[in-house]
Amino acid sequence: MVIARSVGIAGRNDLTDVLVVQLLFNMNLPQFSAPVPKKLDTDGRIGSKTLKAIEAFETRVMGLPESDQMVAPATPPSRRCSRACPRGLRRRSCSW
């Protein structure tokens, strides 16, 4: 699971890429301390819930001081999120 283009507030937001980001966010819910965000609908649509999820991951899980609400291929958020990939998948194949 990899994204080809950026996802987020100023991203390309291709349906498949948004879907991958939504799926990986849901796989990373155990990394959040309370209160844990709600699971995202995996519909491939960028909207306020997906944007808030990107922001929550970047600030609460990664500890960034602020979020640009953007995920791009092969960036620190993508590498961090890939840690939730199921065993048996190559980390490289399971990133934003």
C-alpha atoms as a PDB file:
ATOM      1  CA  MET A   1       0.000   0.000   0.000  1.00  0.00           C
ATOM      2  CA  VAL A   2       1.698   3.144  -1.228  1.00  0.00           C
ATOM      3  CA  ILE A   3       0.442   6.485  -2.428  1.00  0.00           C
ATOM      4  CA  ALA A   4       1.549   7.922  -5.722  1.00  0.00           C
ATOM      5  CA  ARG A   5       0.602  11.547  -5.085  1.00  0.00           C
ATOM      6  CA  SER A   6       0.009  13.877  -2.160  1.00  0.00           C
ATOM      7  CA  VAL A   7      -3.068  13.683   0.037  1.00  0.00           C
ATOM      8  CA  GLY A   8      -4.347  16.545   2.146  1.00  0.00           C
ATOM      9  CA  ILE A   9      -5.396  20.163   2.170  1.00  0.00           C
ATOM     10  CA  ALA A  10      -3.486  21.125  -0.978  1.00  0.00           C
ATOM     11  CA  GLY A  11      -2.863  17.627  -2.291  1.00  0.00           C
ATOM     12  CA  ARG A  12      -3.810  15.921  -5.506  1.00  0.00           C
ATOM     13  CA  ASN A  13      -6.177  13.670  -3.526  1.00  0.00           C
ATOM     14  CA  ASP A  14      -6.608  10.845  -5.986  1.00  0.00           C
ATOM     15  CA  LEU A  15      -9.277   8.427  -4.792  1.00  0.00           C
ATOM     16  CA  THR A  16      -6.909   5.479  -4.349  1.00  0.00           C
ATOM     17  CA  ASP A  17      -4.307   7.535  -2.491  1.00  0.00           C
ATOM     18  CA  VAL A  18      -6.898   8.955  -0.096  1.00  0.00           C
ATOM     19  CA  LEU A  19      -8.224   5.448   0.517  1.00  0.00           C
ATOM     20  CA  VAL A  20      -4.723   4.200   1.397  1.00  0.00           C
ATOM     21  CA  VAL A  21      -4.207   7.093   3.833  1.00  0.00           C
ATOM     22  CA  GLN A  22      -7.569   6.366   5.455  1.00  0.00           C
ATOM     23  CA  LEU A  23      -6.779   2.658   5.805  1.00  0.00           C
ATOM     24  CA  LEU A  24      -3.337   3.319   7.289  1.00  0.00           C
ATOM     25  CA  PHE A  25      -4.759   5.882   9.711  1.00  0.00           C
ATOM     26  CA  ASN A  26      -7.237   3.284  10.953  1.00  0.00           C
ATOM     27  CA  MET A  27      -4.430   0.755  11.356  1.00  0.00           C
ATOM     28  CA  ASN A  28      -2.561   3.292  13.513  1.00  0.00           C
ATOM     29  CA  LEU A  29      -5.350   4.015  16.010  1.00  0.00           C
ATOM     30  CA  PRO A  30      -3.577   1.949  18.733  1.00  0.00           C
ATOM     31  CA  GLN A  31      -0.699   4.468  18.661  1.00  0.00           C
ATOM     32  CA  PHE A  32      -2.967   7.236  20.032  1.00  0.00           C
ATOM     33  CA  SER A  33      -3.317   7.897  23.721  1.00  0.00           C
ATOM     34  CA  ALA A  34      -6.774   8.709  25.040  1.00  0.00           C
ATOM     35  CA  PRO A  35      -8.947  10.041  23.656  1.00  0.00           C
ATOM     36  CA  VAL A  36      -8.483   7.802  20.633  1.00  0.00           C
ATOM     37  CA  PRO A  37      -9.890   9.275  17.404  1.00  0.00           C
ATOM     38  CA  LYS A  38     -12.784   7.559  15.713  1.00  0.00           C
ATOM     39  CA  LYS A  39     -12.105   5.206  12.849  1.00  0.00           C
ATOM     40  CA  LEU A  40     -12.333   6.879   9.453  1.00  0.00           C
ATOM     41  CA  ASP A  41     -14.791   5.791   6.805  1.00  0.00           C
ATOM     42  CA  THR A  42     -12.687   4.345   4.010  1.00  0.00           C
ATOM     43  CA  ASP A  43     -14.417   5.987   1.083  1.00  0.00           C
ATOM     44  CA  GLY A  44     -11.446   7.521  -0.736  1.00  0.00           C
ATOM     45  CA  ARG A  45     -12.840  11.033  -0.347  1.00  0.00           C
ATOM     46  CA  ILE A  46     -10.849  13.854   1.207  1.00  0.00           C
ATOM     47  CA  GLY A  47     -12.929  15.761   3.701  1.00  0.00           C
ATOM     48  CA  SER A  48     -12.740  17.421   7.091  1.00  0.00           C
ATOM     49  CA  LYS A  49     -12.521  14.109   8.980  1.00  0.00           C
ATOM     50  CA  THR A  50      -9.604  12.852   6.893  1.00  0.00           C
ATOM     51  CA  LEU A  51      -7.836  16.215   7.162  1.00  0.00           C
ATOM     52  CA  LYS A  52      -8.319  16.232  10.942  1.00  0.00           C
ATOM     53  CA  ALA A  53      -7.021  12.651  11.076  1.00  0.00           C
ATOM     54  CA  ILE A  54      -3.822  13.638   9.257  1.00  0.00           C
ATOM     55  CA  GLU A  55      -3.403  16.559  11.650  1.00  0.00           C
ATOM     56  CA  ALA A  56      -4.032  14.375  14.708  1.00  0.00           C
ATOM     57  CA  PHE A  57      -1.496  11.784  13.548  1.00  0.00           C
ATOM     58  CA  GLU A  58       1.186  14.375  12.847  1.00  0.00           C
ATOM     59  CA  THR A  59       0.730  16.268  16.113  1.00  0.00           C
ATOM     60  CA  ARG A  60      -0.359  13.611  18.616  1.00  0.00           C
ATOM     61  CA  VAL A  61       1.518  10.538  17.392  1.00  0.00           C
ATOM     62  CA  MET A  62       4.537  12.099  15.713  1.00  0.00           C
ATOM     63  CA  GLY A  63       4.788  14.977  18.178  1.00  0.00           C
ATOM     64  CA  LEU A  64       5.096  17.697  15.545  1.00  0.00           C
ATOM     65  CA  PRO A  65       4.300  21.193  16.861  1.00  0.00           C
ATOM     66  CA  GLU A  66       1.858  21.763  13.998  1.00  0.00           C
ATOM     67  CA  SER A  67       0.480  19.970  10.975  1.00  0.00           C
ATOM     68  CA  ASP A  68       0.240  21.021   7.369  1.00  0.00           C
ATOM     69  CA  GLN A  69      -2.572  18.460   6.896  1.00  0.00           C
ATOM     70  CA  MET A  70      -0.616  16.994   4.001  1.00  0.00           C
ATOM     71  CA  VAL A  71       0.858  13.556   3.389  1.00  0.00           C
ATOM     72  CA  ALA A  72       3.248  12.936   0.531  1.00  0.00           C
ATOM     73  CA  PRO A  73       5.010   9.757  -0.570  1.00  0.00           C
ATOM     74  CA  ALA A  74       8.253   8.901   1.271  1.00  0.00           C
ATOM     75  CA  THR A  75       7.982  11.578   3.983  1.00  0.00           C
ATOM     76  CA  PRO A  76       8.383  11.200   7.778  1.00  0.00           C
ATOM     77  CA  PRO A  77       4.614  10.807   8.342  1.00  0.00           C
ATOM     78  CA  SER A  78       4.493   8.037   5.755  1.00  0.00           C
ATOM     79  CA  ARG A  79       7.402   6.183   7.335  1.00  0.00           C
ATOM     80  CA  ARG A  80       5.926   6.519  10.824  1.00  0.00           C
ATOM     81  CA  CYS A  81       2.483   5.363   9.745  1.00  0.00           C
ATOM     82  CA  SER A  82       3.929   2.321   7.996  1.00  0.00           C
ATOM     83  CA  ARG A  83       4.874   0.870  11.393  1.00  0.00           C
ATOM     84  CA  ALA A  84       1.303  -0.388  11.720  1.00  0.00           C
ATOM     85  CA  CYS A  85       1.553  -2.668   8.706  1.00  0.00           C
ATOM     86  CA  PRO A  86       0.676  -6.279   9.368  1.00  0.00           C
ATOM     87  CA  ARG A  87       3.537  -8.730   9.679  1.00  0.00           C
ATOM     88  CA  GLY A  88       4.530 -10.302   6.415  1.00  0.00           C
ATOM     89  CA  LEU A  89       4.254  -7.083   4.431  1.00  0.00           C
ATOM     90  CA  ARG A  90       7.427  -5.303   3.506  1.00  0.00           C
ATOM     91  CA  ARG A  91       7.564  -1.907   5.216  1.00  0.00           C
ATOM     92  CA  ARG A  92       8.384  -0.314   1.887  1.00  0.00           C
ATOM     93  CA  SER A  93       5.148  -1.635   0.414  1.00  0.00           C
ATOM     94  CA  CYS A  94       3.073  -0.345   3.302  1.00  0.00           C
ATOM     95  CA  SER A  95       3.537   3.392   3.447  1.00  0.00           C
ATOM     96  CA  TRP A  96       1.610   6.484   2.520  1.00  0.00           C
END
